[in-house]
Each structure stands twice: as C-alpha cells, then as structure tokens.
PDB file of N, CA and C in Angstrom:
ATOM      1  N   MET A   1     -31.746   6.997 -22.306  1.00  0.00           N
ATOM      2  CA  MET A   1     -30.770   5.958 -21.252  1.00  0.00           C
ATOM      3  C   MET A   1     -29.826   6.067 -20.974  1.00  0.00           C
ATOM      4  N   LYS A   2     -29.179   6.264 -19.967  1.00  0.00           N
ATOM      5  CA  LYS A   2     -27.635   6.838 -19.762  1.00  0.00           C
ATOM      6  C   LYS A   2     -26.855   5.242 -20.308  1.00  0.00           C
ATOM      7  N   PRO A   3     -25.529   5.529 -20.992  1.00  0.00           N
ATOM      8  CA  PRO A   3     -25.039   4.583 -21.014  1.00  0.00           C
ATOM      9  C   PRO A   3     -24.491   3.806 -19.428  1.00  0.00           C
ATOM     10  N   LYS A   4     -24.023   2.510 -19.412  1.00  0.00           N
ATOM     11  CA  LYS A   4     -23.864   1.614 -18.284  1.00  0.00           C
ATOM     12  C   LYS A   4     -22.257   1.991 -18.337  1.00  0.00           C
ATOM     13  N   ARG A   5     -21.674   2.595 -16.743  1.00  0.00           N
ATOM     14  CA  ARG A   5     -20.259   3.484 -16.470  1.00  0.00           C
ATOM     15  C   ARG A   5     -19.465   2.109 -15.833  1.00  0.00           C
ATOM     16  N   VAL A   6     -18.699   2.042 -15.750  1.00  0.00           N
ATOM     17  CA  VAL A   6     -17.789   1.359 -15.134  1.00  0.00           C
ATOM     18  C   VAL A   6     -16.601   1.653 -14.348  1.00  0.00           C
ATOM     19  N   GLU A   7     -15.851   1.436 -13.307  1.00  0.00           N
ATOM     20  CA  GLU A   7     -15.012   1.744 -12.439  1.00  0.00           C
ATOM     21  C   GLU A   7     -13.759   0.831 -12.244  1.00  0.00           C
ATOM     22  N   ILE A   8     -12.659   1.120 -13.058  1.00  0.00           N
ATOM     23  CA  ILE A   8     -11.283   0.183 -13.145  1.00  0.00           C
ATOM     24  C   ILE A   8     -10.316   0.693 -12.558  1.00  0.00           C
ATOM     25  N   GLU A   9     -10.110   0.089 -11.672  1.00  0.00           N
ATOM     26  CA  GLU A   9      -8.731   0.273 -10.850  1.00  0.00           C
ATOM     27  C   GLU A   9      -7.385  -0.069 -11.534  1.00  0.00           C
ATOM     28  N   PHE A  10      -6.658   0.758 -11.465  1.00  0.00           N
ATOM     29  CA  PHE A  10      -5.229   0.676 -12.013  1.00  0.00           C
ATOM     30  C   PHE A  10      -4.404   0.883 -10.433  1.00  0.00           C
ATOM     31  N   HIS A  11      -3.278  -0.234 -10.846  1.00  0.00           N
ATOM     32  CA  HIS A  11      -2.132  -0.017  -9.813  1.00  0.00           C
ATOM     33  C   HIS A  11      -1.948   1.211 -10.504  1.00  0.00           C
ATOM     34  N   ARG A  12      -1.018   2.189  -9.854  1.00  0.00           N
ATOM     35  CA  ARG A  12      -0.269   3.419 -10.127  1.00  0.00           C
ATOM     36  C   ARG A  12       0.204   3.582 -11.109  1.00  0.00           C
ATOM     37  N   TYR A  13       1.358   2.166 -11.134  1.00  0.00           N
ATOM     38  CA  TYR A  13       2.583   2.155 -12.702  1.00  0.00           C
ATOM     39  C   TYR A  13       1.627   1.621 -13.436  1.00  0.00           C
ATOM     40  N   GLU A  14       0.464   1.164 -13.623  1.00  0.00           N
ATOM     41  CA  GLU A  14       0.095   0.701 -14.507  1.00  0.00           C
ATOM     42  C   GLU A  14      -0.760   1.880 -15.327  1.00  0.00           C
ATOM     43  N   PHE A  15      -1.232   2.983 -14.740  1.00  0.00           N
ATOM     44  CA  PHE A  15      -1.735   4.311 -15.049  1.00  0.00           C
ATOM     45  C   PHE A  15      -0.641   5.157 -15.611  1.00  0.00           C
ATOM     46  N   GLU A  16       0.144   4.993 -14.833  1.00  0.00           N
ATOM     47  CA  GLU A  16       1.537   5.740 -15.654  1.00  0.00           C
ATOM     48  C   GLU A  16       1.861   5.324 -16.724  1.00  0.00           C
ATOM     49  N   ALA A  17       1.890   4.059 -17.174  1.00  0.00           N
ATOM     50  CA  ALA A  17       2.215   3.481 -18.067  1.00  0.00           C
ATOM     51  C   ALA A  17       1.458   3.770 -19.549  1.00  0.00           C
ATOM     52  N   LEU A  18       0.036   3.764 -19.405  1.00  0.00           N
ATOM     53  CA  LEU A  18      -0.692   4.300 -20.128  1.00  0.00           C
ATOM     54  C   LEU A  18      -0.819   6.066 -20.553  1.00  0.00           C
ATOM     55  N   LEU A  19      -0.573   6.499 -19.341  1.00  0.00           N
ATOM     56  CA  LEU A  19      -0.776   8.258 -19.570  1.00  0.00           C
ATOM     57  C   LEU A  19       0.998   8.227 -20.335  1.00  0.00           C
ATOM     58  N   ALA A  20       2.235   6.603 -20.060  1.00  0.00           N
ATOM     59  CA  ALA A  20       3.651   7.182 -20.896  1.00  0.00           C
ATOM     60  C   ALA A  20       3.416   6.971 -22.239  1.00  0.00           C
ATOM     61  N   ASN A  21       2.353   6.303 -22.602  1.00  0.00           N
ATOM     62  CA  ASN A  21       2.112   5.973 -24.159  1.00  0.00           C
ATOM     63  C   ASN A  21       1.831   6.985 -24.792  1.00  0.00           C
ATOM     64  N   GLY A  22       2.232   7.226 -26.142  1.00  0.00           N
ATOM     65  CA  GLY A  22       2.101   8.412 -26.492  1.00  0.00           C
ATOM     66  C   GLY A  22       0.620   8.058 -27.280  1.00  0.00           C
ATOM     67  N   MET A  23       0.541   7.180 -28.386  1.00  0.00           N
ATOM     68  CA  MET A  23      -0.881   6.596 -29.013  1.00  0.00           C
ATOM     69  C   MET A  23      -1.945   6.208 -28.047  1.00  0.00           C
ATOM     70  N   ILE A  24      -1.812   6.314 -27.009  1.00  0.00           N
ATOM     71  CA  ILE A  24      -3.307   5.788 -25.833  1.00  0.00           C
ATOM     72  C   ILE A  24      -3.328   7.165 -25.541  1.00  0.00           C
ATOM     73  N   SER A  25      -2.397   8.081 -25.252  1.00  0.00           N
ATOM     74  CA  SER A  25      -2.380   9.269 -24.445  1.00  0.00           C
ATOM     75  C   SER A  25      -3.229   9.946 -25.658  1.00  0.00           C
ATOM     76  N   ASP A  26      -3.001  10.016 -27.326  1.00  0.00           N
ATOM     77  CA  ASP A  26      -3.544  11.008 -27.844  1.00  0.00           C
ATOM     78  C   ASP A  26      -4.790  10.259 -27.894  1.00  0.00           C
ATOM     79  N   MET A  27      -5.311   9.211 -28.331  1.00  0.00           N
ATOM     80  CA  MET A  27      -6.592   8.384 -28.577  1.00  0.00           C
ATOM     81  C   MET A  27      -7.542   8.085 -27.725  1.00  0.00           C
ATOM     82  N   CYS A  28      -6.756   8.072 -26.142  1.00  0.00           N
ATOM     83  CA  CYS A  28      -8.196   8.076 -25.099  1.00  0.00           C
ATOM     84  C   CYS A  28      -7.649   8.843 -24.179  1.00  0.00           C
ATOM     85  N   GLY A  29      -6.827   9.437 -23.952  1.00  0.00           N
ATOM     86  CA  GLY A  29      -6.710  11.016 -23.263  1.00  0.00           C
ATOM     87  C   GLY A  29      -7.696  11.381 -22.741  1.00  0.00           C
ATOM     88  N   LYS A  30      -9.304  12.039 -23.208  1.00  0.00           N
ATOM     89  CA  LYS A  30     -10.194  12.486 -23.018  1.00  0.00           C
ATOM     90  C   LYS A  30     -10.576  11.803 -21.642  1.00  0.00           C
ATOM     91  N   TYR A  31     -10.804  10.177 -21.853  1.00  0.00           N
ATOM     92  CA  TYR A  31     -11.101   9.417 -20.585  1.00  0.00           C
ATOM     93  C   TYR A  31      -9.785   9.118 -19.562  1.00  0.00           C
ATOM     94  N   LEU A  32      -8.748   9.287 -20.112  1.00  0.00           N
ATOM     95  CA  LEU A  32      -7.738   9.112 -18.894  1.00  0.00           C
ATOM     96  C   LEU A  32      -7.886  10.215 -17.784  1.00  0.00           C
ATOM     97  N   LYS A  33      -8.363  11.602 -18.421  1.00  0.00           N
ATOM     98  CA  LYS A  33      -8.152  12.934 -17.826  1.00  0.00           C
ATOM     99  C   LYS A  33      -9.525  12.604 -16.366  1.00  0.00           C
ATOM    100  N   SER A  34     -10.114  11.775 -16.674  1.00  0.00           N
ATOM    101  CA  SER A  34     -11.067  11.608 -15.402  1.00  0.00           C
ATOM    102  C   SER A  34     -10.768  11.324 -14.401  1.00  0.00           C
ATOM    103  N   ALA A  35      -9.288  10.225 -14.491  1.00  0.00           N
ATOM    104  CA  ALA A  35      -9.042   9.720 -13.495  1.00  0.00           C
ATOM    105  C   ALA A  35      -9.194  10.185 -12.112  1.00  0.00           C
ATOM    106  N   GLU A  36      -9.269   9.203 -11.084  1.00  0.00           N
ATOM    107  CA  GLU A  36      -9.096  10.205  -9.618  1.00  0.00           C
ATOM    108  C   GLU A  36      -8.417   9.271  -8.530  1.00  0.00           C
ATOM    109  N   LYS A  37      -6.738   9.351  -7.718  1.00  0.00           N
ATOM    110  CA  LYS A  37      -6.481   8.519  -6.948  1.00  0.00           C
ATOM    111  C   LYS A  37      -7.581   8.323  -5.853  1.00  0.00           C
ATOM    112  N   ARG A  38      -7.383   7.362  -5.549  1.00  0.00           N
ATOM    113  CA  ARG A  38      -8.442   5.822  -3.997  1.00  0.00           C
ATOM    114  C   ARG A  38      -7.224   5.105  -3.453  1.00  0.00           C
ATOM    115  N   GLY A  39      -6.652   6.108  -2.386  1.00  0.00           N
ATOM    116  CA  GLY A  39      -5.425   5.138  -1.582  1.00  0.00           C
ATOM    117  C   GLY A  39      -4.357   4.597  -2.982  1.00  0.00           C
ATOM    118  N   ASP A  40      -4.261   3.592  -2.731  1.00  0.00           N
ATOM    119  CA  ASP A  40      -2.852   2.711  -3.586  1.00  0.00           C
ATOM    120  C   ASP A  40      -3.373   2.944  -5.250  1.00  0.00           C
ATOM    121  N   TYR A  41      -4.527   3.035  -5.097  1.00  0.00           N
ATOM    122  CA  TYR A  41      -5.154   3.189  -6.761  1.00  0.00           C
ATOM    123  C   TYR A  41      -5.678   4.418  -7.061  1.00  0.00           C
ATOM    124  N   VAL A  42      -5.457   4.244  -8.993  1.00  0.00           N
ATOM    125  CA  VAL A  42      -6.124   5.054 -10.207  1.00  0.00           C
ATOM    126  C   VAL A  42      -7.136   4.659 -10.335  1.00  0.00           C
ATOM    127  N   VAL A  43      -8.707   5.493  -9.846  1.00  0.00           N
ATOM    128  CA  VAL A  43      -9.804   4.601 -10.195  1.00  0.00           C
ATOM    129  C   VAL A  43     -10.397   5.848 -11.898  1.00  0.00           C
ATOM    130  N   LEU A  44     -10.645   4.655 -12.774  1.00  0.00           N
ATOM    131  CA  LEU A  44     -11.060   5.440 -13.818  1.00  0.00           C
ATOM    132  C   LEU A  44     -12.647   5.543 -14.164  1.00  0.00           C
ATOM    133  N   GLU A  45     -13.928   5.945 -13.932  1.00  0.00           N
ATOM    134  CA  GLU A  45     -14.914   5.856 -14.301  1.00  0.00           C
ATOM    135  C   GLU A  45     -15.530   6.099 -15.441  1.00  0.00           C
ATOM    136  N   ILE A  46     -15.638   5.412 -16.691  1.00  0.00           N
ATOM    137  CA  ILE A  46     -15.801   5.740 -18.269  1.00  0.00           C
ATOM    138  C   ILE A  46     -16.960   4.493 -18.364  1.00  0.00           C
ATOM    139  N   SER A  47     -17.644   4.884 -19.591  1.00  0.00           N
ATOM    140  CA  SER A  47     -18.380   3.868 -20.014  1.00  0.00           C
ATOM    141  C   SER A  47     -18.068   2.797 -20.450  1.00  0.00           C
ATOM    142  N   ILE A  48     -18.635   1.575 -20.615  1.00  0.00           N
ATOM    143  CA  ILE A  48     -18.661   0.241 -21.138  1.00  0.00           C
ATOM    144  C   ILE A  48     -18.045   0.807 -22.562  1.00  0.00           C
ATOM    145  N   HIS A  49     -18.548   1.622 -23.119  1.00  0.00           N
ATOM    146  CA  HIS A  49     -18.216   1.607 -25.193  1.00  0.00           C
ATOM    147  C   HIS A  49     -16.894   2.461 -24.657  1.00  0.00           C
ATOM    148  N   GLU A  50     -16.412   3.222 -23.890  1.00  0.00           N
ATOM    149  CA  GLU A  50     -15.509   3.643 -23.725  1.00  0.00           C
ATOM    150  C   GLU A  50     -14.082   2.758 -23.081  1.00  0.00           C
ATOM    151  N   ALA A  51     -14.652   1.636 -22.360  1.00  0.00           N
ATOM    152  CA  ALA A  51     -13.464   1.038 -21.702  1.00  0.00           C
ATOM    153  C   ALA A  51     -13.068  -0.036 -22.724  1.00  0.00           C
ATOM    154  N   ASN A  52     -14.380  -0.433 -23.504  1.00  0.00           N
ATOM    155  CA  ASN A  52     -13.653  -1.349 -24.678  1.00  0.00           C
ATOM    156  C   ASN A  52     -13.052  -0.163 -25.767  1.00  0.00           C
ATOM    157  N   ASP A  53     -13.041   0.564 -26.158  1.00  0.00           N
ATOM    158  CA  ASP A  53     -12.361   1.672 -27.110  1.00  0.00           C
ATOM    159  C   ASP A  53     -10.923   1.661 -26.290  1.00  0.00           C
ATOM    160  N   LEU A  54     -10.803   1.779 -24.963  1.00  0.00           N
ATOM    161  CA  LEU A  54      -9.836   1.553 -24.327  1.00  0.00           C
ATOM    162  C   LEU A  54      -9.030   0.556 -24.226  1.00  0.00           C
ATOM    163  N   ALA A  55      -9.990  -0.391 -23.904  1.00  0.00           N
ATOM    164  CA  ALA A  55      -9.066  -1.561 -23.919  1.00  0.00           C
ATOM    165  C   ALA A  55      -8.399  -2.476 -25.404  1.00  0.00           C
ATOM    166  N   GLY A  56      -9.501  -2.027 -26.527  1.00  0.00           N
ATOM    167  CA  GLY A  56      -8.913  -1.939 -27.239  1.00  0.00           C
ATOM    168  C   GLY A  56      -7.170  -1.419 -27.799  1.00  0.00           C
ATOM    169  N   TRP A  57      -7.100  -0.408 -27.520  1.00  0.00           N
ATOM    170  CA  TRP A  57      -5.717   0.684 -27.559  1.00  0.00           C
ATOM    171  C   TRP A  57      -4.689   0.193 -26.781  1.00  0.00           C
ATOM    172  N   VAL A  58      -5.224  -0.529 -25.741  1.00  0.00           N
ATOM    173  CA  VAL A  58      -4.284  -0.677 -24.562  1.00  0.00           C
ATOM    174  C   VAL A  58      -3.678  -1.838 -25.045  1.00  0.00           C
ATOM    175  N   ALA A  59      -4.307  -3.487 -25.774  1.00  0.00           N
ATOM    176  CA  ALA A  59      -3.962  -4.221 -26.150  1.00  0.00           C
ATOM    177  C   ALA A  59      -2.638  -4.422 -27.054  1.00  0.00           C
ATOM    178  N   ALA A  60      -3.420  -3.107 -28.043  1.00  0.00           N
ATOM    179  CA  ALA A  60      -2.635  -3.102 -29.339  1.00  0.00           C
ATOM    180  C   ALA A  60      -1.220  -2.371 -29.304  1.00  0.00           C
ATOM    181  N   GLU A  61      -1.167  -1.688 -28.258  1.00  0.00           N
ATOM    182  CA  GLU A  61       0.597  -1.231 -27.769  1.00  0.00           C
ATOM    183  C   GLU A  61       0.985  -2.086 -27.073  1.00  0.00           C
ATOM    184  N   ALA A  62       0.354  -2.824 -26.668  1.00  0.00           N
ATOM    185  CA  ALA A  62       1.158  -3.863 -25.479  1.00  0.00           C
ATOM    186  C   ALA A  62       2.148  -4.493 -26.626  1.00  0.00           C
ATOM    187  N   ASN A  63       1.092  -5.074 -27.324  1.00  0.00           N
ATOM    188  CA  ASN A  63       1.990  -6.217 -28.561  1.00  0.00           C
ATOM    189  C   ASN A  63       2.658  -5.199 -29.631  1.00  0.00           C
ATOM    190  N   HIS A  64       2.845  -3.959 -29.298  1.00  0.00           N
ATOM    191  CA  HIS A  64       3.866  -3.193 -30.172  1.00  0.00           C
ATOM    192  C   HIS A  64       5.055  -2.488 -29.384  1.00  0.00           C
ATOM    193  N   ALA A  65       5.083  -2.836 -28.249  1.00  0.00           N
ATOM    194  CA  ALA A  65       5.694  -2.258 -26.748  1.00  0.00           C
ATOM    195  C   ALA A  65       7.201  -2.316 -27.147  1.00  0.00           C
ATOM    196  N   LYS A  66       7.812  -0.854 -26.976  1.00  0.00           N
ATOM    197  CA  LYS A  66       9.164  -1.260 -27.588  1.00  0.00           C
ATOM    198  C   LYS A  66      10.166  -2.214 -26.179  1.00  0.00           C
ATOM    199  N   SER A  67       9.407  -2.109 -25.477  1.00  0.00           N
ATOM    200  CA  SER A  67      10.676  -3.258 -24.127  1.00  0.00           C
ATOM    201  C   SER A  67       9.366  -3.780 -23.728  1.00  0.00           C
ATOM    202  N   GLU A  68       9.922  -5.290 -23.387  1.00  0.00           N
ATOM    203  CA  GLU A  68       9.396  -6.300 -22.603  1.00  0.00           C
ATOM    204  C   GLU A  68       8.494  -5.426 -21.190  1.00  0.00           C
ATOM    205  N   ASN A  69       9.386  -4.562 -20.733  1.00  0.00           N
ATOM    206  CA  ASN A  69       8.863  -3.862 -18.827  1.00  0.00           C
ATOM    207  C   ASN A  69       7.472  -3.087 -19.473  1.00  0.00           C
ATOM    208  N   GLU A  70       7.403  -2.314 -20.584  1.00  0.00           N
ATOM    209  CA  GLU A  70       6.147  -1.825 -21.042  1.00  0.00           C
ATOM    210  C   GLU A  70       4.847  -2.654 -21.997  1.00  0.00           C
ATOM    211  N   SER A  71       5.553  -3.910 -22.503  1.00  0.00           N
ATOM    212  CA  SER A  71       4.580  -4.349 -22.819  1.00  0.00           C
ATOM    213  C   SER A  71       4.010  -5.407 -21.737  1.00  0.00           C
ATOM    214  N   ASP A  72       4.677  -5.767 -20.311  1.00  0.00           N
ATOM    215  CA  ASP A  72       3.794  -5.932 -19.529  1.00  0.00           C
ATOM    216  C   ASP A  72       3.328  -5.107 -18.387  1.00  0.00           C
ATOM    217  N   LEU A  73       3.773  -3.674 -17.969  1.00  0.00           N
ATOM    218  CA  LEU A  73       2.739  -2.947 -17.418  1.00  0.00           C
ATOM    219  C   LEU A  73       1.256  -2.851 -18.607  1.00  0.00           C
ATOM    220  N   LEU A  74       1.189  -2.559 -19.861  1.00  0.00           N
ATOM    221  CA  LEU A  74       0.297  -2.478 -20.457  1.00  0.00           C
ATOM    222  C   LEU A  74      -0.844  -3.271 -20.646  1.00  0.00           C
ATOM    223  N   ASN A  75      -0.235  -4.745 -20.679  1.00  0.00           N
ATOM    224  CA  ASN A  75      -0.698  -6.158 -20.301  1.00  0.00           C
ATOM    225  C   ASN A  75      -1.525  -6.107 -18.850  1.00  0.00           C
ATOM    226  N   ALA A  76      -1.086  -5.735 -17.890  1.00  0.00           N
ATOM    227  CA  ALA A  76      -1.213  -5.894 -16.596  1.00  0.00           C
ATOM    228  C   ALA A  76      -2.705  -4.565 -17.237  1.00  0.00           C
ATOM    229  N   ALA A  77      -2.460  -3.605 -17.107  1.00  0.00           N
ATOM    230  CA  ALA A  77      -3.316  -2.454 -17.431  1.00  0.00           C
ATOM    231  C   ALA A  77      -4.607  -2.846 -18.038  1.00  0.00           C
ATOM    232  N   CYS A  78      -4.517  -3.994 -19.302  1.00  0.00           N
ATOM    233  CA  CYS A  78      -5.592  -4.713 -20.182  1.00  0.00           C
ATOM    234  C   CYS A  78      -6.405  -5.028 -19.327  1.00  0.00           C
ATOM    235  N   ASP A  79      -5.777  -6.051 -18.397  1.00  0.00           N
ATOM    236  CA  ASP A  79      -6.284  -7.310 -17.977  1.00  0.00           C
ATOM    237  C   ASP A  79      -7.607  -6.338 -16.768  1.00  0.00           C
ATOM    238  N   ALA A  80      -6.411  -5.338 -16.126  1.00  0.00           N
ATOM    239  CA  ALA A  80      -7.714  -4.328 -14.892  1.00  0.00           C
ATOM    240  C   ALA A  80      -8.716  -4.098 -15.871  1.00  0.00           C
ATOM    241  N   ILE A  81      -8.310  -3.795 -17.304  1.00  0.00           N
ATOM    242  CA  ILE A  81     -10.183  -2.775 -18.153  1.00  0.00           C
ATOM    243  C   ILE A  81     -10.981  -4.492 -18.350  1.00  0.00           C
ATOM    244  N   GLU A  82     -10.213  -5.689 -18.544  1.00  0.00           N
ATOM    245  CA  GLU A  82     -10.975  -6.506 -19.381  1.00  0.00           C
ATOM    246  C   GLU A  82     -11.905  -6.557 -18.196  1.00  0.00           C
ATOM    247  N   LEU A  83     -11.305  -7.042 -17.279  1.00  0.00           N
ATOM    248  CA  LEU A  83     -12.302  -7.430 -15.469  1.00  0.00           C
ATOM    249  C   LEU A  83     -13.570  -6.508 -15.314  1.00  0.00           C
ATOM    250  N   CYS A  84     -13.515  -5.386 -15.797  1.00  0.00           N
ATOM    251  CA  CYS A  84     -15.081  -4.686 -15.494  1.00  0.00           C
ATOM    252  C   CYS A  84     -15.726  -4.568 -16.741  1.00  0.00           C
ATOM    253  N   ILE A  85     -15.166  -5.512 -17.971  1.00  0.00           N
ATOM    254  CA  ILE A  85     -15.950  -5.089 -19.493  1.00  0.00           C
ATOM    255  C   ILE A  85     -16.775  -6.044 -19.827  1.00  0.00           C
TER     256      ILE A  85
END
C-alpha cells in the first residue's frame, strides 16, 4: 500500500525561508527538491511521514531563529504544513 501523500502550498517567501535555513535544507532538502511553482505558490507533494518530519524541523528552527523575521517566516511555513497533516 502506498503511503498517503499531501500537497502543501507555500507562499514563495515561506518556501525561500525553508531553503535559506541551513539545517532544514540539510535535513529535508530531498523533500524540498520536488517542489513546483503553481501561480503565486510553491507546492510540495510529499508523504504524510515526510510532512511530519518537515514540520518538526521547521518548528524547531523557528524556535531557534536568529531574527524575528526568520522566525515569523518559518512559523508561517510550519502552519502551512500542519494544515495538511
């Protein structure tokens, strides 16, 4: 049985914040590579397990962000992920 997949819609600036964060890129880069642009959004289609993994890393990095702006962007990205899982 194939694992259930979800589509996560990020605003472009949220997705760029994910890519700009070294830890998220290192740990979840393989998930992020499958993203595609759809209009004003970047859509990531991944399994529920991968989405849970990504949400954990994004939440942790949002809590340890170097600036309030980075924290806000990562929290927004985390919210987008959590809407789908």
